[in-house]
Amino acid sequence: MISEDLERTIRTALSSAGIAQAEHVAASIMRAIRAEFEGESIYIDRQCSARVAERNRIIARAIADNASIDRLASRFGVTARLIRMIRAQYRQGRITP
C-alpha cells in the first residue's frame, strides 16, 4: 500500500516536471527502491544470523566446559530451554565451539 502511494506520488511528480514516460520511469524507480530495501533486509538478516551463530558458539564452548545451564541462560538473557537446544545441537556436532 505504501509502495503504491509512493509510486503514484513519484509518477505525479515526474509528470508535473514534464518527464516523458513518467509511468515507466516511476516503475523503474520503484523497482530500484524495492531492490535496495530487500538488499538491506538481507544484509541485516545476515548480520543477525552471524551474531546468533557467534552467541551459539560461545554457549557451546561454555557447555563443553560444563557451565551451568541456568547461569548461561541468565548471562545471555535467553531461556534454559534454548540453552538445552544449543547443547543438543553441539552434541550432534551441528555447532562447533
PDB file of N, CA and C in Angstrom:
ATOM      1  N   MET A   1       0.829  -1.182   0.000  1.00  0.00           N
ATOM      2  CA  MET A   1       0.000   0.000   0.000  1.00  0.00           C
ATOM      3  C   MET A   1       0.879   1.254   0.000  1.00  0.00           C
ATOM      4  N   ILE A   2       1.865   1.297   0.861  1.00  0.00           N
ATOM      5  CA  ILE A   2       2.761   2.450   0.891  1.00  0.00           C
ATOM      6  C   ILE A   2       3.493   2.563  -0.431  1.00  0.00           C
ATOM      7  N   SER A   3       3.920   1.409  -0.962  1.00  0.00           N
ATOM      8  CA  SER A   3       4.662   1.445  -2.221  1.00  0.00           C
ATOM      9  C   SER A   3       3.785   1.945  -3.362  1.00  0.00           C
ATOM     10  N   GLU A   4       2.488   1.599  -3.338  1.00  0.00           N
ATOM     11  CA  GLU A   4       1.577   2.103  -4.376  1.00  0.00           C
ATOM     12  C   GLU A   4       1.430   3.615  -4.269  1.00  0.00           C
ATOM     13  N   ASP A   5       1.274   4.106  -3.049  1.00  0.00           N
ATOM     14  CA  ASP A   5       1.166   5.555  -2.836  1.00  0.00           C
ATOM     15  C   ASP A   5       2.452   6.257  -3.250  1.00  0.00           C
ATOM     16  N   LEU A   6       3.573   5.680  -2.900  1.00  0.00           N
ATOM     17  CA  LEU A   6       4.860   6.268  -3.256  1.00  0.00           C
ATOM     18  C   LEU A   6       5.039   6.295  -4.770  1.00  0.00           C
ATOM     19  N   GLU A   7       4.693   5.177  -5.423  1.00  0.00           N
ATOM     20  CA  GLU A   7       4.824   5.127  -6.880  1.00  0.00           C
ATOM     21  C   GLU A   7       3.912   6.169  -7.535  1.00  0.00           C
ATOM     22  N   ARG A   8       2.707   6.314  -7.026  1.00  0.00           N
ATOM     23  CA  ARG A   8       1.769   7.308  -7.559  1.00  0.00           C
ATOM     24  C   ARG A   8       2.329   8.718  -7.377  1.00  0.00           C
ATOM     25  N   THR A   9       2.907   8.988  -6.209  1.00  0.00           N
ATOM     26  CA  THR A   9       3.497  10.302  -5.940  1.00  0.00           C
ATOM     27  C   THR A   9       4.666  10.572  -6.879  1.00  0.00           C
ATOM     28  N   ILE A  10       5.516   9.565  -7.068  1.00  0.00           N
ATOM     29  CA  ILE A  10       6.661   9.720  -7.978  1.00  0.00           C
ATOM     30  C   ILE A  10       6.172   9.967  -9.397  1.00  0.00           C
ATOM     31  N   ARG A  11       5.192   9.184  -9.827  1.00  0.00           N
ATOM     32  CA  ARG A  11       4.649   9.331 -11.181  1.00  0.00           C
ATOM     33  C   ARG A  11       4.069  10.728 -11.383  1.00  0.00           C
ATOM     34  N   THR A  12       3.326  11.223 -10.392  1.00  0.00           N
ATOM     35  CA  THR A  12       2.735  12.562 -10.482  1.00  0.00           C
ATOM     36  C   THR A  12       3.820  13.629 -10.554  1.00  0.00           C
ATOM     37  N   ALA A  13       4.851  13.487  -9.717  1.00  0.00           N
ATOM     38  CA  ALA A  13       5.946  14.462  -9.718  1.00  0.00           C
ATOM     39  C   ALA A  13       6.669  14.457 -11.059  1.00  0.00           C
ATOM     40  N   LEU A  14       6.894  13.278 -11.622  1.00  0.00           N
ATOM     41  CA  LEU A  14       7.571  13.189 -12.918  1.00  0.00           C
ATOM     42  C   LEU A  14       6.716  13.796 -14.023  1.00  0.00           C
ATOM     43  N   SER A  15       5.422  13.515 -13.989  1.00  0.00           N
ATOM     44  CA  SER A  15       4.512  14.086 -14.993  1.00  0.00           C
ATOM     45  C   SER A  15       4.479  15.599 -14.888  1.00  0.00           C
ATOM     46  N   SER A  16       4.403  16.103 -13.658  1.00  0.00           N
ATOM     47  CA  SER A  16       4.365  17.551 -13.439  1.00  0.00           C
ATOM     48  C   SER A  16       5.647  18.217 -13.917  1.00  0.00           C
ATOM     49  N   ALA A  17       6.754  17.489 -13.831  1.00  0.00           N
ATOM     50  CA  ALA A  17       8.038  18.035 -14.273  1.00  0.00           C
ATOM     51  C   ALA A  17       8.222  17.902 -15.783  1.00  0.00           C
ATOM     52  N   GLY A  18       7.253  17.274 -16.437  1.00  0.00           N
ATOM     53  CA  GLY A  18       7.316  17.139 -17.890  1.00  0.00           C
ATOM     54  C   GLY A  18       8.194  16.001 -18.370  1.00  0.00           C
ATOM     55  N   ILE A  19       8.445  15.039 -17.510  1.00  0.00           N
ATOM     56  CA  ILE A  19       9.270  13.884 -17.884  1.00  0.00           C
ATOM     57  C   ILE A  19       8.445  12.951 -18.770  1.00  0.00           C
ATOM     58  N   ALA A  20       9.016  12.585 -19.926  1.00  0.00           N
ATOM     59  CA  ALA A  20       8.327  11.666 -20.835  1.00  0.00           C
ATOM     60  C   ALA A  20       8.286  10.272 -20.206  1.00  0.00           C
ATOM     61  N   GLN A  21       7.237   9.545 -20.480  1.00  0.00           N
ATOM     62  CA  GLN A  21       7.036   8.183 -19.978  1.00  0.00           C
ATOM     63  C   GLN A  21       7.144   8.123 -18.456  1.00  0.00           C
ATOM     64  N   ALA A  22       6.471   9.033 -17.796  1.00  0.00           N
ATOM     65  CA  ALA A  22       6.539   9.140 -16.337  1.00  0.00           C
ATOM     66  C   ALA A  22       6.157   7.831 -15.652  1.00  0.00           C
ATOM     67  N   GLU A  23       5.171   7.127 -16.199  1.00  0.00           N
ATOM     68  CA  GLU A  23       4.725   5.886 -15.575  1.00  0.00           C
ATOM     69  C   GLU A  23       5.843   4.833 -15.611  1.00  0.00           C
ATOM     70  N   HIS A  24       6.503   4.735 -16.761  1.00  0.00           N
ATOM     71  CA  HIS A  24       7.598   3.772 -16.909  1.00  0.00           C
ATOM     72  C   HIS A  24       8.771   4.141 -15.990  1.00  0.00           C
ATOM     73  N   VAL A  25       9.103   5.404 -15.947  1.00  0.00           N
ATOM     74  CA  VAL A  25      10.210   5.871 -15.103  1.00  0.00           C
ATOM     75  C   VAL A  25       9.877   5.640 -13.627  1.00  0.00           C
ATOM     76  N   ALA A  26       8.636   5.924 -13.230  1.00  0.00           N
ATOM     77  CA  ALA A  26       8.222   5.718 -11.840  1.00  0.00           C
ATOM     78  C   ALA A  26       8.319   4.239 -11.466  1.00  0.00           C
ATOM     79  N   ALA A  27       7.917   3.364 -12.377  1.00  0.00           N
ATOM     80  CA  ALA A  27       8.007   1.923 -12.114  1.00  0.00           C
ATOM     81  C   ALA A  27       9.466   1.498 -11.949  1.00  0.00           C
ATOM     82  N   SER A  28      10.353   2.053 -12.765  1.00  0.00           N
ATOM     83  CA  SER A  28      11.782   1.738 -12.656  1.00  0.00           C
ATOM     84  C   SER A  28      12.352   2.214 -11.326  1.00  0.00           C
ATOM     85  N   ILE A  29      11.959   3.399 -10.920  1.00  0.00           N
ATOM     86  CA  ILE A  29      12.418   3.941  -9.633  1.00  0.00           C
ATOM     87  C   ILE A  29      11.937   3.043  -8.490  1.00  0.00           C
ATOM     88  N   MET A  30      10.684   2.609  -8.562  1.00  0.00           N
ATOM     89  CA  MET A  30      10.143   1.752  -7.507  1.00  0.00           C
ATOM     90  C   MET A  30      10.866   0.404  -7.461  1.00  0.00           C
ATOM     91  N   ARG A  31      11.200  -0.149  -8.619  1.00  0.00           N
ATOM     92  CA  ARG A  31      11.953  -1.411  -8.639  1.00  0.00           C
ATOM     93  C   ARG A  31      13.305  -1.224  -7.952  1.00  0.00           C
ATOM     94  N   ALA A  32      13.944  -0.105  -8.228  1.00  0.00           N
ATOM     95  CA  ALA A  32      15.242   0.181  -7.602  1.00  0.00           C
ATOM     96  C   ALA A  32      15.093   0.336  -6.087  1.00  0.00           C
ATOM     97  N   ILE A  33      14.047   1.024  -5.667  1.00  0.00           N
ATOM     98  CA  ILE A  33      13.805   1.217  -4.231  1.00  0.00           C
ATOM     99  C   ILE A  33      13.553  -0.127  -3.557  1.00  0.00           C
ATOM    100  N   ARG A  34      12.700  -0.953  -4.169  1.00  0.00           N
ATOM    101  CA  ARG A  34      12.407  -2.269  -3.585  1.00  0.00           C
ATOM    102  C   ARG A  34      13.671  -3.120  -3.501  1.00  0.00           C
ATOM    103  N   ALA A  35      14.460  -3.108  -4.557  1.00  0.00           N
ATOM    104  CA  ALA A  35      15.701  -3.892  -4.563  1.00  0.00           C
ATOM    105  C   ALA A  35      16.634  -3.426  -3.452  1.00  0.00           C
ATOM    106  N   GLU A  36      16.705  -2.116  -3.259  1.00  0.00           N
ATOM    107  CA  GLU A  36      17.571  -1.574  -2.213  1.00  0.00           C
ATOM    108  C   GLU A  36      17.108  -2.035  -0.834  1.00  0.00           C
ATOM    109  N   PHE A  37      15.782  -1.960  -0.590  1.00  0.00           N
ATOM    110  CA  PHE A  37      15.265  -2.377   0.712  1.00  0.00           C
ATOM    111  C   PHE A  37      15.425  -3.869   0.915  1.00  0.00           C
ATOM    112  N   GLU A  38      15.187  -4.659  -0.114  1.00  0.00           N
ATOM    113  CA  GLU A  38      15.346  -6.102   0.016  1.00  0.00           C
ATOM    114  C   GLU A  38      16.803  -6.443   0.283  1.00  0.00           C
ATOM    115  N   GLY A  39      17.702  -5.773  -0.401  1.00  0.00           N
ATOM    116  CA  GLY A  39      19.125  -5.993  -0.162  1.00  0.00           C
ATOM    117  C   GLY A  39      19.513  -5.624   1.248  1.00  0.00           C
ATOM    118  N   GLU A  40      18.982  -4.511   1.728  1.00  0.00           N
ATOM    119  CA  GLU A  40      19.262  -4.073   3.098  1.00  0.00           C
ATOM    120  C   GLU A  40      18.720  -5.094   4.086  1.00  0.00           C
ATOM    121  N   SER A  41      17.530  -5.597   3.812  1.00  0.00           N
ATOM    122  CA  SER A  41      16.922  -6.587   4.688  1.00  0.00           C
ATOM    123  C   SER A  41      17.780  -7.843   4.748  1.00  0.00           C
ATOM    124  N   ILE A  42      18.271  -8.274   3.594  1.00  0.00           N
ATOM    125  CA  ILE A  42      19.127  -9.453   3.550  1.00  0.00           C
ATOM    126  C   ILE A  42      20.404  -9.189   4.342  1.00  0.00           C
ATOM    127  N   TYR A  43      20.968  -7.991   4.183  1.00  0.00           N
ATOM    128  CA  TYR A  43      22.196  -7.633   4.903  1.00  0.00           C
ATOM    129  C   TYR A  43      21.960  -7.666   6.413  1.00  0.00           C
ATOM    130  N   ILE A  44      20.853  -7.091   6.849  1.00  0.00           N
ATOM    131  CA  ILE A  44      20.527  -7.082   8.279  1.00  0.00           C
ATOM    132  C   ILE A  44      20.323  -8.506   8.772  1.00  0.00           C
ATOM    133  N   ASP A  45      19.604  -9.333   7.987  1.00  0.00           N
ATOM    134  CA  ASP A  45      19.393 -10.724   8.370  1.00  0.00           C
ATOM    135  C   ASP A  45      20.716 -11.460   8.511  1.00  0.00           C
ATOM    136  N   ARG A  46      21.643 -11.205   7.597  1.00  0.00           N
ATOM    137  CA  ARG A  46      22.949 -11.870   7.670  1.00  0.00           C
ATOM    138  C   ARG A  46      23.707 -11.432   8.915  1.00  0.00           C
ATOM    139  N   GLN A  47      23.629 -10.144   9.244  1.00  0.00           N
ATOM    140  CA  GLN A  47      24.306  -9.655  10.447  1.00  0.00           C
ATOM    141  C   GLN A  47      23.725 -10.318  11.687  1.00  0.00           C
ATOM    142  N   CYS A  48      22.391 -10.384  11.756  1.00  0.00           N
ATOM    143  CA  CYS A  48      21.733 -11.005  12.907  1.00  0.00           C
ATOM    144  C   CYS A  48      22.096 -12.479  12.990  1.00  0.00           C
ATOM    145  N   SER A  49      22.087 -13.160  11.855  1.00  0.00           N
ATOM    146  CA  SER A  49      22.433 -14.580  11.830  1.00  0.00           C
ATOM    147  C   SER A  49      23.864 -14.796  12.300  1.00  0.00           C
ATOM    148  N   ALA A  50      24.756 -13.929  11.887  1.00  0.00           N
ATOM    149  CA  ALA A  50      26.156 -14.051  12.301  1.00  0.00           C
ATOM    150  C   ALA A  50      26.290 -13.850  13.808  1.00  0.00           C
ATOM    151  N   ARG A  51      25.555 -12.886  14.355  1.00  0.00           N
ATOM    152  CA  ARG A  51      25.617 -12.643  15.804  1.00  0.00           C
ATOM    153  C   ARG A  51      25.041 -13.827  16.580  1.00  0.00           C
ATOM    154  N   VAL A  52      23.925 -14.369  16.089  1.00  0.00           N
ATOM    155  CA  VAL A  52      23.311 -15.521  16.756  1.00  0.00           C
ATOM    156  C   VAL A  52      24.245 -16.723  16.684  1.00  0.00           C
ATOM    157  N   ALA A  53      24.853 -16.942  15.532  1.00  0.00           N
ATOM    158  CA  ALA A  53      25.785 -18.066  15.386  1.00  0.00           C
ATOM    159  C   ALA A  53      26.966 -17.911  16.340  1.00  0.00           C
ATOM    160  N   GLU A  54      27.482 -16.700  16.456  1.00  0.00           N
ATOM    161  CA  GLU A  54      28.602 -16.457  17.373  1.00  0.00           C
ATOM    162  C   GLU A  54      28.170 -16.692  18.819  1.00  0.00           C
ATOM    163  N   ARG A  55      26.986 -16.219  19.179  1.00  0.00           N
ATOM    164  CA  ARG A  55      26.469 -16.444  20.535  1.00  0.00           C
ATOM    165  C   ARG A  55      26.346 -17.945  20.800  1.00  0.00           C
ATOM    166  N   ASN A  56      25.829 -18.688  19.814  1.00  0.00           N
ATOM    167  CA  ASN A  56      25.665 -20.128  19.988  1.00  0.00           C
ATOM    168  C   ASN A  56      27.013 -20.831  20.146  1.00  0.00           C
ATOM    169  N   ARG A  57      28.036 -20.364  19.415  1.00  0.00           N
ATOM    170  CA  ARG A  57      29.375 -20.950  19.565  1.00  0.00           C
ATOM    171  C   ARG A  57      29.930 -20.687  20.969  1.00  0.00           C
ATOM    172  N   ILE A  58      29.703 -19.481  21.471  1.00  0.00           N
ATOM    173  CA  ILE A  58      30.167 -19.146  22.827  1.00  0.00           C
ATOM    174  C   ILE A  58      29.461 -20.031  23.850  1.00  0.00           C
ATOM    175  N   ILE A  59      28.154 -20.202  23.670  1.00  0.00           N
ATOM    176  CA  ILE A  59      27.389 -21.060  24.580  1.00  0.00           C
ATOM    177  C   ILE A  59      27.882 -22.503  24.475  1.00  0.00           C
ATOM    178  N   ALA A  60      28.137 -22.971  23.248  1.00  0.00           N
ATOM    179  CA  ALA A  60      28.626 -24.343  23.056  1.00  0.00           C
ATOM    180  C   ALA A  60      29.968 -24.538  23.754  1.00  0.00           C
ATOM    181  N   ARG A  61      30.840 -23.527  23.663  1.00  0.00           N
ATOM    182  CA  ARG A  61      32.137 -23.596  24.363  1.00  0.00           C
ATOM    183  C   ARG A  61      31.919 -23.715  25.873  1.00  0.00           C
ATOM    184  N   ALA A  62      30.988 -22.913  26.382  1.00  0.00           N
ATOM    185  CA  ALA A  62      30.705 -22.940  27.818  1.00  0.00           C
ATOM    186  C   ALA A  62      30.103 -24.288  28.219  1.00  0.00           C
ATOM    187  N   ILE A  63      29.261 -24.841  27.354  1.00  0.00           N
ATOM    188  CA  ILE A  63      28.675 -26.158  27.635  1.00  0.00           C
ATOM    189  C   ILE A  63      29.778 -27.212  27.664  1.00  0.00           C
ATOM    190  N   ALA A  64      30.716 -27.097  26.734  1.00  0.00           N
ATOM    191  CA  ALA A  64      31.842 -28.038  26.705  1.00  0.00           C
ATOM    192  C   ALA A  64      32.640 -27.961  28.005  1.00  0.00           C
ATOM    193  N   ASP A  65      32.649 -26.790  28.621  1.00  0.00           N
ATOM    194  CA  ASP A  65      33.347 -26.600  29.899  1.00  0.00           C
ATOM    195  C   ASP A  65      32.434 -26.879  31.093  1.00  0.00           C
ATOM    196  N   ASN A  66      31.279 -27.508  30.818  1.00  0.00           N
ATOM    197  CA  ASN A  66      30.305 -27.892  31.857  1.00  0.00           C
ATOM    198  C   ASN A  66      29.721 -26.711  32.624  1.00  0.00           C
ATOM    199  N   ALA A  67      29.470 -25.618  31.951  1.00  0.00           N
ATOM    200  CA  ALA A  67      28.851 -24.458  32.604  1.00  0.00           C
ATOM    201  C   ALA A  67      27.393 -24.778  32.940  1.00  0.00           C
ATOM    202  N   SER A  68      26.885 -24.116  33.944  1.00  0.00           N
ATOM    203  CA  SER A  68      25.504 -24.303  34.375  1.00  0.00           C
ATOM    204  C   SER A  68      24.534 -23.746  33.331  1.00  0.00           C
ATOM    205  N   ILE A  69      23.515 -24.535  33.016  1.00  0.00           N
ATOM    206  CA  ILE A  69      22.512 -24.104  32.034  1.00  0.00           C
ATOM    207  C   ILE A  69      21.820 -22.834  32.519  1.00  0.00           C
ATOM    208  N   ASP A  70      21.442 -22.818  33.790  1.00  0.00           N
ATOM    209  CA  ASP A  70      20.753 -21.637  34.326  1.00  0.00           C
ATOM    210  C   ASP A  70      21.646 -20.403  34.300  1.00  0.00           C
ATOM    211  N   ARG A  71      22.922 -20.593  34.615  1.00  0.00           N
ATOM    212  CA  ARG A  71      23.857 -19.472  34.588  1.00  0.00           C
ATOM    213  C   ARG A  71      24.027 -18.939  33.161  1.00  0.00           C
ATOM    214  N   LEU A  72      24.130 -19.854  32.189  1.00  0.00           N
ATOM    215  CA  LEU A  72      24.254 -19.431  30.789  1.00  0.00           C
ATOM    216  C   LEU A  72      23.004 -18.690  30.329  1.00  0.00           C
ATOM    217  N   ALA A  73      21.844 -19.216  30.701  1.00  0.00           N
ATOM    218  CA  ALA A  73      20.588 -18.574  30.311  1.00  0.00           C
ATOM    219  C   ALA A  73      20.525 -17.157  30.867  1.00  0.00           C
ATOM    220  N   SER A  74      20.926 -17.013  32.111  1.00  0.00           N
ATOM    221  CA  SER A  74      20.928 -15.693  32.736  1.00  0.00           C
ATOM    222  C   SER A  74      21.937 -14.767  32.069  1.00  0.00           C
ATOM    223  N   ARG A  75      23.126 -15.285  31.797  1.00  0.00           N
ATOM    224  CA  ARG A  75      24.191 -14.466  31.197  1.00  0.00           C
ATOM    225  C   ARG A  75      23.803 -13.937  29.823  1.00  0.00           C
ATOM    226  N   PHE A  76      23.164 -14.787  29.005  1.00  0.00           N
ATOM    227  CA  PHE A  76      22.837 -14.389  27.639  1.00  0.00           C
ATOM    228  C   PHE A  76      21.410 -13.872  27.491  1.00  0.00           C
ATOM    229  N   GLY A  77      20.645 -13.879  28.563  1.00  0.00           N
ATOM    230  CA  GLY A  77      19.283 -13.361  28.506  1.00  0.00           C
ATOM    231  C   GLY A  77      18.361 -14.217  27.651  1.00  0.00           C
ATOM    232  N   VAL A  78      18.571 -15.528  27.688  1.00  0.00           N
ATOM    233  CA  VAL A  78      17.730 -16.456  26.929  1.00  0.00           C
ATOM    234  C   VAL A  78      17.157 -17.476  27.900  1.00  0.00           C
ATOM    235  N   THR A  79      16.284 -18.330  27.393  1.00  0.00           N
ATOM    236  CA  THR A  79      15.674 -19.336  28.256  1.00  0.00           C
ATOM    237  C   THR A  79      16.589 -20.548  28.402  1.00  0.00           C
ATOM    238  N   ALA A  80      16.392 -21.267  29.494  1.00  0.00           N
ATOM    239  CA  ALA A  80      17.145 -22.506  29.709  1.00  0.00           C
ATOM    240  C   ALA A  80      16.810 -23.508  28.606  1.00  0.00           C
ATOM    241  N   ARG A  81      15.601 -23.449  28.112  1.00  0.00           N
ATOM    242  CA  ARG A  81      15.189 -24.339  27.018  1.00  0.00           C
ATOM    243  C   ARG A  81      16.058 -24.108  25.778  1.00  0.00           C
ATOM    244  N   LEU A  82      16.332 -22.839  25.460  1.00  0.00           N
ATOM    245  CA  LEU A  82      17.190 -22.535  24.312  1.00  0.00           C
ATOM    246  C   LEU A  82      18.606 -23.063  24.556  1.00  0.00           C
ATOM    247  N   ILE A  83      19.093 -22.933  25.777  1.00  0.00           N
ATOM    248  CA  ILE A  83      20.428 -23.446  26.102  1.00  0.00           C
ATOM    249  C   ILE A  83      20.458 -24.962  25.903  1.00  0.00           C
ATOM    250  N   ARG A  84      19.400 -25.649  26.334  1.00  0.00           N
ATOM    251  CA  ARG A  84      19.340 -27.102  26.140  1.00  0.00           C
ATOM    252  C   ARG A  84      19.322 -27.456  24.656  1.00  0.00           C
ATOM    253  N   MET A  85      18.608 -26.656  23.860  1.00  0.00           N
ATOM    254  CA  MET A  85      18.558 -26.895  22.420  1.00  0.00           C
ATOM    255  C   MET A  85      19.954 -26.712  21.804  1.00  0.00           C
ATOM    256  N   ILE A  86      20.645 -25.668  22.215  1.00  0.00           N
ATOM    257  CA  ILE A  86      22.007 -25.429  21.720  1.00  0.00           C
ATOM    258  C   ILE A  86      22.920 -26.573  22.159  1.00  0.00           C
ATOM    259  N   ARG A  87      22.734 -27.044  23.405  1.00  0.00           N
ATOM    260  CA  ARG A  87      23.541 -28.169  23.892  1.00  0.00           C
ATOM    261  C   ARG A  87      23.312 -29.409  23.027  1.00  0.00           C
ATOM    262  N   ALA A  88      22.062 -29.668  22.673  1.00  0.00           N
ATOM    263  CA  ALA A  88      21.748 -30.823  21.821  1.00  0.00           C
ATOM    264  C   ALA A  88      22.405 -30.670  20.450  1.00  0.00           C
ATOM    265  N   GLN A  89      22.340 -29.463  19.881  1.00  0.00           N
ATOM    266  CA  GLN A  89      22.972 -29.227  18.577  1.00  0.00           C
ATOM    267  C   GLN A  89      24.487 -29.383  18.680  1.00  0.00           C
ATOM    268  N   TYR A  90      25.059 -28.936  19.776  1.00  0.00           N
ATOM    269  CA  TYR A  90      26.503 -29.082  19.998  1.00  0.00           C
ATOM    270  C   TYR A  90      26.879 -30.558  20.070  1.00  0.00           C
ATOM    271  N   ARG A  91      26.105 -31.323  20.816  1.00  0.00           N
ATOM    272  CA  ARG A  91      26.402 -32.754  20.965  1.00  0.00           C
ATOM    273  C   ARG A  91      26.236 -33.510  19.646  1.00  0.00           C
ATOM    274  N   GLN A  92      25.356 -33.005  18.774  1.00  0.00           N
ATOM    275  CA  GLN A  92      25.164 -33.621  17.454  1.00  0.00           C
ATOM    276  C   GLN A  92      26.231 -33.168  16.462  1.00  0.00           C
ATOM    277  N   GLY A  93      27.050 -32.220  16.879  1.00  0.00           N
ATOM    278  CA  GLY A  93      28.108 -31.722  16.004  1.00  0.00           C
ATOM    279  C   GLY A  93      27.651 -30.643  15.040  1.00  0.00           C
ATOM    280  N   ARG A  94      26.450 -30.114  15.245  1.00  0.00           N
ATOM    281  CA  ARG A  94      25.933 -29.072  14.351  1.00  0.00           C
ATOM    282  C   ARG A  94      26.470 -27.693  14.709  1.00  0.00           C
ATOM    283  N   ILE A  95      26.976 -27.545  15.928  1.00  0.00           N
ATOM    284  CA  ILE A  95      27.615 -26.295  16.371  1.00  0.00           C
ATOM    285  C   ILE A  95      28.999 -26.667  16.867  1.00  0.00           C
ATOM    286  N   THR A  96      29.993 -25.959  16.380  1.00  0.00           N
ATOM    287  CA  THR A  96      31.353 -26.205  16.865  1.00  0.00           C
ATOM    288  C   THR A  96      31.809 -25.006  17.682  1.00  0.00           C
ATOM    289  N   PRO A  97      32.336 -25.272  18.862  1.00  0.00           N
ATOM    290  CA  PRO A  97      32.766 -24.153  19.712  1.00  0.00           C
ATOM    291  C   PRO A  97      33.994 -23.444  19.184  1.00  0.00           C
TER     292      PRO A  97
END
